[in-house]
PDB file of N, CA and C in Angstrom:
ATOM      1  N   MET A   1     120.362  92.662  93.545  1.00  0.00           N
ATOM      2  CA  MET A   1     119.172  92.722  92.699  1.00  0.00           C
ATOM      3  C   MET A   1     118.593  91.318  92.582  1.00  0.00           C
ATOM      4  N   SER A   2     117.332  91.194  92.863  1.00  0.00           N
ATOM      5  CA  SER A   2     116.693  89.890  92.798  1.00  0.00           C
ATOM      6  C   SER A   2     115.776  89.803  91.587  1.00  0.00           C
ATOM      7  N   GLU A   3     115.352  88.568  91.304  1.00  0.00           N
ATOM      8  CA  GLU A   3     114.447  88.343  90.174  1.00  0.00           C
ATOM      9  C   GLU A   3     113.099  88.998  90.399  1.00  0.00           C
ATOM     10  N   GLN A   4     112.623  88.936  91.616  1.00  0.00           N
ATOM     11  CA  GLN A   4     111.261  89.345  91.929  1.00  0.00           C
ATOM     12  C   GLN A   4     111.297  90.374  93.054  1.00  0.00           C
ATOM     13  N   GLU A   5     110.862  91.577  92.794  1.00  0.00           N
ATOM     14  CA  GLU A   5     110.835  92.647  93.788  1.00  0.00           C
ATOM     15  C   GLU A   5     109.415  92.791  94.331  1.00  0.00           C
ATOM     16  N   TRP A   6     109.291  92.785  95.653  1.00  0.00           N
ATOM     17  CA  TRP A   6     107.985  92.906  96.302  1.00  0.00           C
ATOM     18  C   TRP A   6     107.736  94.341  96.713  1.00  0.00           C
ATOM     19  N   SER A   7     106.456  94.773  96.651  1.00  0.00           N
ATOM     20  CA  SER A   7     106.086  96.124  97.061  1.00  0.00           C
ATOM     21  C   SER A   7     104.642  96.125  97.556  1.00  0.00           C
ATOM     22  N   ILE A   8     104.255  97.260  98.108  1.00  0.00           N
ATOM     23  CA  ILE A   8     102.888  97.419  98.623  1.00  0.00           C
ATOM     24  C   ILE A   8     102.035  98.077  97.542  1.00  0.00           C
ATOM     25  N   GLU A   9     100.829  97.562  97.385  1.00  0.00           N
ATOM     26  CA  GLU A   9      99.899  98.119  96.394  1.00  0.00           C
ATOM     27  C   GLU A   9      98.553  98.337  97.079  1.00  0.00           C
ATOM     28  N   HIS A  10      97.914  99.453  96.738  1.00  0.00           N
ATOM     29  CA  HIS A  10      96.585  99.765  97.271  1.00  0.00           C
ATOM     30  C   HIS A  10      95.560  99.578  96.167  1.00  0.00           C
ATOM     31  N   ARG A  11      94.453  98.957  96.528  1.00  0.00           N
ATOM     32  CA  ARG A  11      93.366  98.738  95.565  1.00  0.00           C
ATOM     33  C   ARG A  11      92.060  99.249  96.168  1.00  0.00           C
ATOM     34  N   LYS A  12      91.051  99.350  95.337  1.00  0.00           N
ATOM     35  CA  LYS A  12      89.720  99.824  95.746  1.00  0.00           C
ATOM     36  C   LYS A  12      89.826 101.166  96.465  1.00  0.00           C
ATOM     37  N   HIS A  13      90.359 102.142  95.748  1.00  0.00           N
ATOM     38  CA  HIS A  13      90.509 103.518  96.247  1.00  0.00           C
ATOM     39  C   HIS A  13      91.361 103.581  97.508  1.00  0.00           C
ATOM     40  N   GLY A  14      92.356 102.710  97.605  1.00  0.00           N
ATOM     41  CA  GLY A  14      93.270 102.727  98.743  1.00  0.00           C
ATOM     42  C   GLY A  14      92.764 102.008  99.970  1.00  0.00           C
ATOM     43  N   ASN A  15      91.613 101.340  99.857  1.00  0.00           N
ATOM     44  CA  ASN A  15      91.025 100.697 101.032  1.00  0.00           C
ATOM     45  C   ASN A  15      91.455  99.244 101.232  1.00  0.00           C
ATOM     46  N   GLU A  16      92.142  98.663 100.276  1.00  0.00           N
ATOM     47  CA  GLU A  16      92.664  97.309 100.439  1.00  0.00           C
ATOM     48  C   GLU A  16      94.167  97.340 100.192  1.00  0.00           C
ATOM     49  N   VAL A  17      94.896  96.625 101.033  1.00  0.00           N
ATOM     50  CA  VAL A  17      96.357  96.621 100.964  1.00  0.00           C
ATOM     51  C   VAL A  17      96.830  95.241 100.523  1.00  0.00           C
ATOM     52  N   TYR A  18      97.664  95.234  99.492  1.00  0.00           N
ATOM     53  CA  TYR A  18      98.241  94.004  98.959  1.00  0.00           C
ATOM     54  C   TYR A  18      99.759  94.120  98.951  1.00  0.00           C
ATOM     55  N   VAL A  19     100.429  92.986  99.076  1.00  0.00           N
ATOM     56  CA  VAL A  19     101.860  92.890  98.821  1.00  0.00           C
ATOM     57  C   VAL A  19     101.968  92.168  97.487  1.00  0.00           C
ATOM     58  N   VAL A  20     102.640  92.813  96.507  1.00  0.00           N
ATOM     59  CA  VAL A  20     102.649  92.269  95.147  1.00  0.00           C
ATOM     60  C   VAL A  20     104.066  92.205  94.584  1.00  0.00           C
ATOM     61  N   SER A  21     104.205  91.301  93.619  1.00  0.00           N
ATOM     62  CA  SER A  21     105.429  91.227  92.817  1.00  0.00           C
ATOM     63  C   SER A  21     104.985  91.161  91.366  1.00  0.00           C
ATOM     64  N   SER A  22     105.939  90.950  90.480  1.00  0.00           N
ATOM     65  CA  SER A  22     105.577  90.865  89.063  1.00  0.00           C
ATOM     66  C   SER A  22     104.797  89.595  88.750  1.00  0.00           C
ATOM     67  N   ARG A  23     104.847  88.603  89.652  1.00  0.00           N
ATOM     68  CA  ARG A  23     104.199  87.314  89.380  1.00  0.00           C
ATOM     69  C   ARG A  23     103.014  86.984  90.280  1.00  0.00           C
ATOM     70  N   GLU A  24     102.944  87.595  91.462  1.00  0.00           N
ATOM     71  CA  GLU A  24     101.867  87.220  92.379  1.00  0.00           C
ATOM     72  C   GLU A  24     101.534  88.343  93.340  1.00  0.00           C
ATOM     73  N   GLY A  25     100.432  88.174  94.051  1.00  0.00           N
ATOM     74  CA  GLY A  25     100.002  89.161  95.018  1.00  0.00           C
ATOM     75  C   GLY A  25      99.414  88.499  96.255  1.00  0.00           C
ATOM     76  N   ILE A  26      99.548  89.186  97.403  1.00  0.00           N
ATOM     77  CA  ILE A  26      99.040  88.667  98.679  1.00  0.00           C
ATOM     78  C   ILE A  26      98.157  89.752  99.297  1.00  0.00           C
ATOM     79  N   PHE A  27      96.929  89.403  99.587  1.00  0.00           N
ATOM     80  CA  PHE A  27      96.040  90.336 100.255  1.00  0.00           C
ATOM     81  C   PHE A  27      96.440  90.409 101.728  1.00  0.00           C
ATOM     82  N   VAL A  28      96.689  91.625 102.228  1.00  0.00           N
ATOM     83  CA  VAL A  28      97.132  91.794 103.617  1.00  0.00           C
ATOM     84  C   VAL A  28      95.980  92.227 104.510  1.00  0.00           C
ATOM     85  N   GLY A  29      95.224  93.194 104.079  1.00  0.00           N
ATOM     86  CA  GLY A  29      94.117  93.644 104.924  1.00  0.00           C
ATOM     87  C   GLY A  29      93.371  94.810 104.315  1.00  0.00           C
ATOM     88  N   GLU A  30      92.312  95.181 105.009  1.00  0.00           N
ATOM     89  CA  GLU A  30      91.479  96.285 104.558  1.00  0.00           C
ATOM     90  C   GLU A  30      91.861  97.548 105.311  1.00  0.00           C
ATOM     91  N   GLY A  31      91.566  98.652 104.708  1.00  0.00           N
ATOM     92  CA  GLY A  31      91.862  99.924 105.355  1.00  0.00           C
ATOM     93  C   GLY A  31      90.668 100.843 105.376  1.00  0.00           C
ATOM     94  N   TYR A  32      89.491 100.284 105.649  1.00  0.00           N
ATOM     95  CA  TYR A  32      88.282 101.095 105.628  1.00  0.00           C
ATOM     96  C   TYR A  32      88.168 101.994 106.849  1.00  0.00           C
ATOM     97  N   ASN A  33      88.903 101.687 107.925  1.00  0.00           N
ATOM     98  CA  ASN A  33      88.976 102.602 109.058  1.00  0.00           C
ATOM     99  C   ASN A  33      90.445 102.804 109.422  1.00  0.00           C
ATOM    100  N   ASP A  34      90.730 103.848 110.181  1.00  0.00           N
ATOM    101  CA  ASP A  34      92.121 104.222 110.471  1.00  0.00           C
ATOM    102  C   ASP A  34      92.896 103.115 111.184  1.00  0.00           C
ATOM    103  N   LYS A  35      92.286 102.488 112.172  1.00  0.00           N
ATOM    104  CA  LYS A  35      92.977 101.445 112.934  1.00  0.00           C
ATOM    105  C   LYS A  35      93.369 100.270 112.022  1.00  0.00           C
ATOM    106  N   GLU A  36      92.437  99.838 111.217  1.00  0.00           N
ATOM    107  CA  GLU A  36      92.707  98.716 110.306  1.00  0.00           C
ATOM    108  C   GLU A  36      93.720  99.111 109.228  1.00  0.00           C
ATOM    109  N   ARG A  37      93.647 100.341 108.749  1.00  0.00           N
ATOM    110  CA  ARG A  37      94.582 100.822 107.731  1.00  0.00           C
ATOM    111  C   ARG A  37      96.009 100.810 108.278  1.00  0.00           C
ATOM    112  N   LYS A  38      96.196 101.323 109.491  1.00  0.00           N
ATOM    113  CA  LYS A  38      97.526 101.333 110.119  1.00  0.00           C
ATOM    114  C   LYS A  38      98.051  99.919 110.324  1.00  0.00           C
ATOM    115  N   ARG A  39      97.194  99.034 110.791  1.00  0.00           N
ATOM    116  CA  ARG A  39      97.588  97.644 111.022  1.00  0.00           C
ATOM    117  C   ARG A  39      97.972  96.968 109.708  1.00  0.00           C
ATOM    118  N   SER A  40      97.197  97.171 108.675  1.00  0.00           N
ATOM    119  CA  SER A  40      97.470  96.566 107.366  1.00  0.00           C
ATOM    120  C   SER A  40      98.787  97.070 106.788  1.00  0.00           C
ATOM    121  N   HIS A  41      99.035  98.380 106.908  1.00  0.00           N
ATOM    122  CA  HIS A  41     100.300  98.938 106.408  1.00  0.00           C
ATOM    123  C   HIS A  41     101.487  98.422 107.210  1.00  0.00           C
ATOM    124  N   TYR A  42     101.321  98.318 108.519  1.00  0.00           N
ATOM    125  CA  TYR A  42     102.378  97.789 109.375  1.00  0.00           C
ATOM    126  C   TYR A  42     102.733  96.355 108.960  1.00  0.00           C
ATOM    127  N   LEU A  43     101.721  95.513 108.794  1.00  0.00           N
ATOM    128  CA  LEU A  43     101.952  94.123 108.380  1.00  0.00           C
ATOM    129  C   LEU A  43     102.542  94.051 106.977  1.00  0.00           C
ATOM    130  N   ALA A  44     102.042  94.888 106.070  1.00  0.00           N
ATOM    131  CA  ALA A  44     102.540  94.882 104.697  1.00  0.00           C
ATOM    132  C   ALA A  44     104.023  95.265 104.652  1.00  0.00           C
ATOM    133  N   ASP A  45     104.429  96.237 105.452  1.00  0.00           N
ATOM    134  CA  ASP A  45     105.846  96.625 105.513  1.00  0.00           C
ATOM    135  C   ASP A  45     106.720  95.456 105.963  1.00  0.00           C
ATOM    136  N   ILE A  46     106.269  94.745 106.983  1.00  0.00           N
ATOM    137  CA  ILE A  46     107.027  93.593 107.491  1.00  0.00           C
ATOM    138  C   ILE A  46     107.115  92.500 106.424  1.00  0.00           C
ATOM    139  N   ILE A  47     105.995  92.225 105.773  1.00  0.00           N
ATOM    140  CA  ILE A  47     105.958  91.173 104.745  1.00  0.00           C
ATOM    141  C   ILE A  47     106.855  91.531 103.562  1.00  0.00           C
ATOM    142  N   VAL A  48     106.784  92.778 103.094  1.00  0.00           N
ATOM    143  CA  VAL A  48     107.614  93.217 101.965  1.00  0.00           C
ATOM    144  C   VAL A  48     109.095  93.085 102.309  1.00  0.00           C
ATOM    145  N   GLU A  49     109.469  93.542 103.489  1.00  0.00           N
ATOM    146  CA  GLU A  49     110.875  93.457 103.900  1.00  0.00           C
ATOM    147  C   GLU A  49     111.356  92.004 103.947  1.00  0.00           C
ATOM    148  N   ALA A  50     110.553  91.129 104.543  1.00  0.00           N
ATOM    149  CA  ALA A  50     110.934  89.714 104.657  1.00  0.00           C
ATOM    150  C   ALA A  50     111.021  89.038 103.285  1.00  0.00           C
ATOM    151  N   LEU A  51     110.059  89.281 102.420  1.00  0.00           N
ATOM    152  CA  LEU A  51     110.064  88.658 101.099  1.00  0.00           C
ATOM    153  C   LEU A  51     111.224  89.170 100.240  1.00  0.00           C
ATOM    154  N   ASN A  52     111.524  90.469 100.314  1.00  0.00           N
ATOM    155  CA  ASN A  52     112.645  91.003  99.546  1.00  0.00           C
ATOM    156  C   ASN A  52     113.979  90.455 100.057  1.00  0.00           C
ATOM    157  N   LYS A  53     114.115  90.295 101.376  1.00  0.00           N
ATOM    158  CA  LYS A  53     115.339  89.684 101.920  1.00  0.00           C
ATOM    159  C   LYS A  53     115.482  88.248 101.439  1.00  0.00           C
ATOM    160  N   ALA A  54     114.399  87.507 101.435  1.00  0.00           N
ATOM    161  CA  ALA A  54     114.439  86.110 100.978  1.00  0.00           C
ATOM    162  C   ALA A  54     114.788  86.031  99.496  1.00  0.00           C
ATOM    163  N   GLU A  55     114.220  86.911  98.686  1.00  0.00           N
ATOM    164  CA  GLU A  55     114.526  86.932  97.253  1.00  0.00           C
ATOM    165  C   GLU A  55     115.997  87.276  97.017  1.00  0.00           C
ATOM    166  N   ASP A  56     116.520  88.245  97.772  1.00  0.00           N
ATOM    167  CA  ASP A  56     117.929  88.618  97.632  1.00  0.00           C
ATOM    168  C   ASP A  56     118.844  87.457  98.021  1.00  0.00           C
ATOM    169  N   ALA A  57     118.493  86.746  99.080  1.00  0.00           N
ATOM    170  CA  ALA A  57     119.301  85.604  99.513  1.00  0.00           C
ATOM    171  C   ALA A  57     119.301  84.507  98.447  1.00  0.00           C
ATOM    172  N   LYS A  58     118.140  84.236  97.848  1.00  0.00           N
ATOM    173  CA  LYS A  58     118.074  83.231  96.771  1.00  0.00           C
ATOM    174  C   LYS A  58     118.917  83.663  95.579  1.00  0.00           C
ATOM    175  N   PHE A  59     118.858  84.932  95.252  1.00  0.00           N
ATOM    176  CA  PHE A  59     119.629  85.452  94.124  1.00  0.00           C
ATOM    177  C   PHE A  59     121.122  85.314  94.394  1.00  0.00           C
ATOM    178  N   GLN A  60     121.555  85.674  95.597  1.00  0.00           N
ATOM    179  CA  GLN A  60     122.976  85.561  95.952  1.00  0.00           C
ATOM    180  C   GLN A  60     123.459  84.112  95.887  1.00  0.00           C
ATOM    181  N   LEU A  61     122.622  83.179  96.304  1.00  0.00           N
ATOM    182  CA  LEU A  61     123.002  81.764  96.212  1.00  0.00           C
ATOM    183  C   LEU A  61     123.203  81.339  94.763  1.00  0.00           C
ATOM    184  N   ARG A  62     122.317  81.784  93.880  1.00  0.00           N
ATOM    185  CA  ARG A  62     122.446  81.432  92.459  1.00  0.00           C
ATOM    186  C   ARG A  62     123.705  82.049  91.860  1.00  0.00           C
ATOM    187  N   VAL A  63     124.030  83.276  92.261  1.00  0.00           N
ATOM    188  CA  VAL A  63     125.220  83.944  91.747  1.00  0.00           C
ATOM    189  C   VAL A  63     126.479  83.201  92.191  1.00  0.00           C
ATOM    190  N   ARG A  64     126.483  82.712  93.423  1.00  0.00           N
ATOM    191  CA  ARG A  64     127.664  82.066  93.985  1.00  0.00           C
ATOM    192  C   ARG A  64     127.829  80.608  93.569  1.00  0.00           C
ATOM    193  N   GLU A  65     126.819  80.018  92.957  1.00  0.00           N
ATOM    194  CA  GLU A  65     126.849  78.586  92.640  1.00  0.00           C
ATOM    195  C   GLU A  65     128.099  78.133  91.900  1.00  0.00           C
ATOM    196  N   GLY A  66     128.527  78.851  90.884  1.00  0.00           N
ATOM    197  CA  GLY A  66     129.647  78.417  90.064  1.00  0.00           C
ATOM    198  C   GLY A  66     131.011  78.755  90.627  1.00  0.00           C
ATOM    199  N   TRP A  67     131.063  79.438  91.759  1.00  0.00           N
ATOM    200  CA  TRP A  67     132.318  79.906  92.335  1.00  0.00           C
ATOM    201  C   TRP A  67     132.792  78.956  93.433  1.00  0.00           C
ATOM    202  N   VAL A  68     133.130  77.724  93.053  1.00  0.00           N
ATOM    203  CA  VAL A  68     133.582  76.720  94.025  1.00  0.00           C
ATOM    204  C   VAL A  68     134.902  76.138  93.536  1.00  0.00           C
ATOM    205  N   CYS A  69     135.886  76.109  94.423  1.00  0.00           N
ATOM    206  CA  CYS A  69     137.212  75.587  94.078  1.00  0.00           C
ATOM    207  C   CYS A  69     137.118  74.095  93.747  1.00  0.00           C
ATOM    208  N   ILE A  70     137.699  73.702  92.624  1.00  0.00           N
ATOM    209  CA  ILE A  70     137.640  72.292  92.198  1.00  0.00           C
ATOM    210  C   ILE A  70     138.540  71.398  93.045  1.00  0.00           C
ATOM    211  N   HIS A  71     139.431  71.990  93.815  1.00  0.00           N
ATOM    212  CA  HIS A  71     140.350  71.210  94.637  1.00  0.00           C
ATOM    213  C   HIS A  71     139.852  71.027  96.072  1.00  0.00           C
ATOM    214  N   CYS A  72     139.437  72.135  96.706  1.00  0.00           N
ATOM    215  CA  CYS A  72     139.046  72.053  98.125  1.00  0.00           C
ATOM    216  C   CYS A  72     137.540  72.095  98.347  1.00  0.00           C
ATOM    217  N   GLY A  73     136.773  72.506  97.322  1.00  0.00           N
ATOM    218  CA  GLY A  73     135.319  72.554  97.445  1.00  0.00           C
ATOM    219  C   GLY A  73     134.785  73.772  98.160  1.00  0.00           C
ATOM    220  N   GLU A  74     135.651  74.725  98.522  1.00  0.00           N
ATOM    221  CA  GLU A  74     135.199  75.936  99.203  1.00  0.00           C
ATOM    222  C   GLU A  74     134.913  77.045  98.190  1.00  0.00           C
ATOM    223  N   SER A  75     134.154  78.030  98.620  1.00  0.00           N
ATOM    224  CA  SER A  75     133.761  79.128  97.744  1.00  0.00           C
ATOM    225  C   SER A  75     134.965  79.986  97.347  1.00  0.00           C
ATOM    226  N   THR A  76     134.981  80.417  96.103  1.00  0.00           N
ATOM    227  CA  THR A  76     135.990  81.358  95.626  1.00  0.00           C
ATOM    228  C   THR A  76     135.368  82.738  95.391  1.00  0.00           C
ATOM    229  N   TYR A  77     134.080  82.875  95.656  1.00  0.00           N
ATOM    230  CA  TYR A  77     133.334  84.088  95.322  1.00  0.00           C
ATOM    231  C   TYR A  77     133.871  85.332  96.021  1.00  0.00           C
ATOM    232  N   ASP A  78     134.196  85.227  97.310  1.00  0.00           N
ATOM    233  CA  ASP A  78     134.608  86.391  98.090  1.00  0.00           C
ATOM    234  C   ASP A  78     136.105  86.656  98.055  1.00  0.00           C
ATOM    235  N   ASN A  79     136.865  85.855  97.323  1.00  0.00           N
ATOM    236  CA  ASN A  79     138.304  86.044  97.245  1.00  0.00           C
ATOM    237  C   ASN A  79     138.665  87.128  96.231  1.00  0.00           C
ATOM    238  N   ASP A  80     139.755  87.859  96.525  1.00  0.00           N
ATOM    239  CA  ASP A  80     140.276  88.822  95.554  1.00  0.00           C
ATOM    240  C   ASP A  80     140.860  88.068  94.376  1.00  0.00           C
ATOM    241  N   THR A  81     140.927  88.726  93.230  1.00  0.00           N
ATOM    242  CA  THR A  81     141.461  88.062  92.041  1.00  0.00           C
ATOM    243  C   THR A  81     142.917  87.654  92.224  1.00  0.00           C
ATOM    244  N   GLU A  82     143.641  88.355  93.112  1.00  0.00           N
ATOM    245  CA  GLU A  82     145.036  87.995  93.376  1.00  0.00           C
ATOM    246  C   GLU A  82     145.145  86.648  94.083  1.00  0.00           C
ATOM    247  N   GLN A  83     144.065  86.196  94.710  1.00  0.00           N
ATOM    248  CA  GLN A  83     144.068  84.929  95.449  1.00  0.00           C
ATOM    249  C   GLN A  83     143.563  83.767  94.599  1.00  0.00           C
ATOM    250  N   LEU A  84     143.194  84.061  93.353  1.00  0.00           N
ATOM    251  CA  LEU A  84     142.596  83.034  92.512  1.00  0.00           C
ATOM    252  C   LEU A  84     143.458  82.737  91.296  1.00  0.00           C
ATOM    253  N   PHE A  85     143.589  81.460  90.970  1.00  0.00           N
ATOM    254  CA  PHE A  85     144.221  81.041  89.727  1.00  0.00           C
ATOM    255  C   PHE A  85     143.194  81.165  88.601  1.00  0.00           C
ATOM    256  N   SER A  86     141.949  80.800  88.906  1.00  0.00           N
ATOM    257  CA  SER A  86     140.808  80.995  88.005  1.00  0.00           C
ATOM    258  C   SER A  86     139.575  81.134  88.889  1.00  0.00           C
ATOM    259  N   ALA A  87     138.425  81.319  88.295  1.00  0.00           N
ATOM    260  CA  ALA A  87     137.196  81.483  89.087  1.00  0.00           C
ATOM    261  C   ALA A  87     136.886  80.249  89.932  1.00  0.00           C
ATOM    262  N   ILE A  88     137.461  79.110  89.535  1.00  0.00           N
ATOM    263  CA  ILE A  88     137.168  77.871  90.255  1.00  0.00           C
ATOM    264  C   ILE A  88     138.405  77.237  90.892  1.00  0.00           C
ATOM    265  N   GLU A  89     139.466  78.050  91.080  1.00  0.00           N
ATOM    266  CA  GLU A  89     140.678  77.530  91.722  1.00  0.00           C
ATOM    267  C   GLU A  89     141.351  78.607  92.565  1.00  0.00           C
ATOM    268  N   HIS A  90     141.554  78.294  93.863  1.00  0.00           N
ATOM    269  CA  HIS A  90     142.399  79.142  94.687  1.00  0.00           C
ATOM    270  C   HIS A  90     143.840  78.937  94.233  1.00  0.00           C
ATOM    271  N   ILE A  91     144.675  79.968  94.314  1.00  0.00           N
ATOM    272  CA  ILE A  91     146.076  79.829  93.910  1.00  0.00           C
ATOM    273  C   ILE A  91     146.764  78.760  94.746  1.00  0.00           C
ATOM    274  N   GLY A  92     146.551  78.789  96.056  1.00  0.00           N
ATOM    275  CA  GLY A  92     147.184  77.796  96.932  1.00  0.00           C
ATOM    276  C   GLY A  92     146.785  76.374  96.578  1.00  0.00           C
ATOM    277  N   CYS A  93     145.531  76.175  96.284  1.00  0.00           N
ATOM    278  CA  CYS A  93     145.044  74.837  95.916  1.00  0.00           C
ATOM    279  C   CYS A  93     145.626  74.395  94.574  1.00  0.00           C
ATOM    280  N   ALA A  94     145.695  75.331  93.615  1.00  0.00           N
ATOM    281  CA  ALA A  94     146.249  75.000  92.303  1.00  0.00           C
ATOM    282  C   ALA A  94     147.726  74.636  92.423  1.00  0.00           C
ATOM    283  N   LEU A  95     148.476  75.364  93.263  1.00  0.00           N
ATOM    284  CA  LEU A  95     149.901  75.064  93.464  1.00  0.00           C
ATOM    285  C   LEU A  95     150.096  73.706  94.136  1.00  0.00           C
ATOM    286  N   LYS A  96     149.274  73.413  95.137  1.00  0.00           N
ATOM    287  CA  LYS A  96     149.351  72.108  95.797  1.00  0.00           C
ATOM    288  C   LYS A  96     149.056  70.979  94.811  1.00  0.00           C
ATOM    289  N   ALA A  97     148.050  71.181  93.979  1.00  0.00           N
ATOM    290  CA  ALA A  97     147.695  70.163  92.985  1.00  0.00           C
ATOM    291  C   ALA A  97     148.825  69.977  91.976  1.00  0.00           C
ATOM    292  N   GLU A  98     149.468  71.082  91.582  1.00  0.00           N
ATOM    293  CA  GLU A  98     150.587  70.993  90.649  1.00  0.00           C
ATOM    294  C   GLU A  98     151.761  70.249  91.278  1.00  0.00           C
ATOM    295  N   GLN A  99     152.056  70.541  92.555  1.00  0.00           N
ATOM    296  CA  GLN A  99     153.136  69.842  93.256  1.00  0.00           C
ATOM    297  C   GLN A  99     152.833  68.357  93.384  1.00  0.00           C
ATOM    298  N   ALA A 100     151.593  68.040  93.706  1.00  0.00           N
ATOM    299  CA  ALA A 100     151.201  66.634  93.835  1.00  0.00           C
ATOM    300  C   ALA A 100     151.334  65.918  92.493  1.00  0.00           C
ATOM    301  N   ALA A 101     150.989  66.588  91.405  1.00  0.00           N
ATOM    302  CA  ALA A 101     151.114  65.995  90.070  1.00  0.00           C
ATOM    303  C   ALA A 101     152.585  65.738  89.733  1.00  0.00           C
ATOM    304  N   LYS A 102     153.461  66.667  90.115  1.00  0.00           N
ATOM    305  CA  LYS A 102     154.897  66.486  89.870  1.00  0.00           C
ATOM    306  C   LYS A 102     155.434  65.292  90.651  1.00  0.00           C
ATOM    307  N   VAL A 103     155.024  65.175  91.909  1.00  0.00           N
ATOM    308  CA  VAL A 103     155.455  64.037  92.735  1.00  0.00           C
ATOM    309  C   VAL A 103     154.970  62.734  92.105  1.00  0.00           C
ATOM    310  N   CYS A 104     153.739  62.702  91.653  1.00  0.00           N
ATOM    311  CA  CYS A 104     153.202  61.502  90.993  1.00  0.00           C
ATOM    312  C   CYS A 104     154.000  61.163  89.739  1.00  0.00           C
ATOM    313  N   ASP A 105     154.350  62.179  88.952  1.00  0.00           N
ATOM    314  CA  ASP A 105     155.143  61.949  87.744  1.00  0.00           C
ATOM    315  C   ASP A 105     156.511  61.360  88.082  1.00  0.00           C
ATOM    316  N   ILE A 106     157.142  61.891  89.133  1.00  0.00           N
ATOM    317  CA  ILE A 106     158.446  61.380  89.551  1.00  0.00           C
ATOM    318  C   ILE A 106     158.334  59.930  89.998  1.00  0.00           C
ATOM    319  N   LEU A 107     157.304  59.632  90.791  1.00  0.00           N
ATOM    320  CA  LEU A 107     157.112  58.262  91.267  1.00  0.00           C
ATOM    321  C   LEU A 107     156.824  57.307  90.118  1.00  0.00           C
ATOM    322  N   LEU A 108     156.005  57.735  89.172  1.00  0.00           N
ATOM    323  CA  LEU A 108     155.713  56.891  88.009  1.00  0.00           C
ATOM    324  C   LEU A 108     156.984  56.633  87.190  1.00  0.00           C
ATOM    325  N   LYS A 109     157.780  57.668  87.037  1.00  0.00           N
ATOM    326  CA  LYS A 109     159.024  57.522  86.275  1.00  0.00           C
ATOM    327  C   LYS A 109     159.952  56.537  86.970  1.00  0.00           C
ATOM    328  N   LYS A 110     160.072  56.620  88.303  1.00  0.00           N
ATOM    329  CA  LYS A 110     160.920  55.692  89.059  1.00  0.00           C
ATOM    330  C   LYS A 110     160.393  54.259  88.960  1.00  0.00           C
ATOM    331  N   ASN A 111     159.072  54.114  89.021  1.00  0.00           N
ATOM    332  CA  ASN A 111     158.484  52.772  88.915  1.00  0.00           C
ATOM    333  C   ASN A 111     158.743  52.175  87.542  1.00  0.00           C
ATOM    334  N   LYS A 112     158.639  52.982  86.485  1.00  0.00           N
ATOM    335  CA  LYS A 112     158.917  52.492  85.125  1.00  0.00           C
ATOM    336  C   LYS A 112     160.381  52.063  85.004  1.00  0.00           C
ATOM    337  N   GLU A 113     161.278  52.868  85.572  1.00  0.00           N
ATOM    338  CA  GLU A 113     162.707  52.550  85.513  1.00  0.00           C
ATOM    339  C   GLU A 113     163.020  51.252  86.259  1.00  0.00           C
ATOM    340  N   SER A 114     162.351  51.088  87.416  1.00  0.00           N
ATOM    341  CA  SER A 114     162.635  49.863  88.183  1.00  0.00           C
ATOM    342  C   SER A 114     162.061  48.621  87.492  1.00  0.00           C
ATOM    343  N   LEU A 115     160.983  48.792  86.751  1.00  0.00           N
ATOM    344  CA  LEU A 115     160.407  47.665  86.020  1.00  0.00           C
ATOM    345  C   LEU A 115     161.279  47.273  84.825  1.00  0.00           C
ATOM    346  N   ILE A 116     161.914  48.247  84.217  1.00  0.00           N
ATOM    347  CA  ILE A 116     162.775  47.994  83.063  1.00  0.00           C
ATOM    348  C   ILE A 116     164.044  47.281  83.505  1.00  0.00           C
ATOM    349  N   ASP A 117     164.579  47.629  84.657  1.00  0.00           N
ATOM    350  CA  ASP A 117     165.821  47.013  85.157  1.00  0.00           C
ATOM    351  C   ASP A 117     165.578  45.627  85.604  1.00  0.00           C
TER     352      ASP A 117
END
């Protein structure tokens, strides 16, 4: 679902074809004769499809923005909940970070002990 949905609208008794959304409109063509009407509808269909795909892609990017692992920087959006420690941490990355923190603590403790001696 996107913020802005595009569709085809007819004006002036169906003789003008527009591609419209809730915020703007694009005049595509006139339909005062059959050939022009078919061409305008054909173009309007292509434009509506392209604009709706672009809107959906923008929406998906906004949805995925906050789903990035704080350790590796990769997306967590498509992972199952079993693979995640939290929305912003892969389990594997969180475990590696925890192990690295433990190693740092051990090294700091050894350094303190050697300084005291």
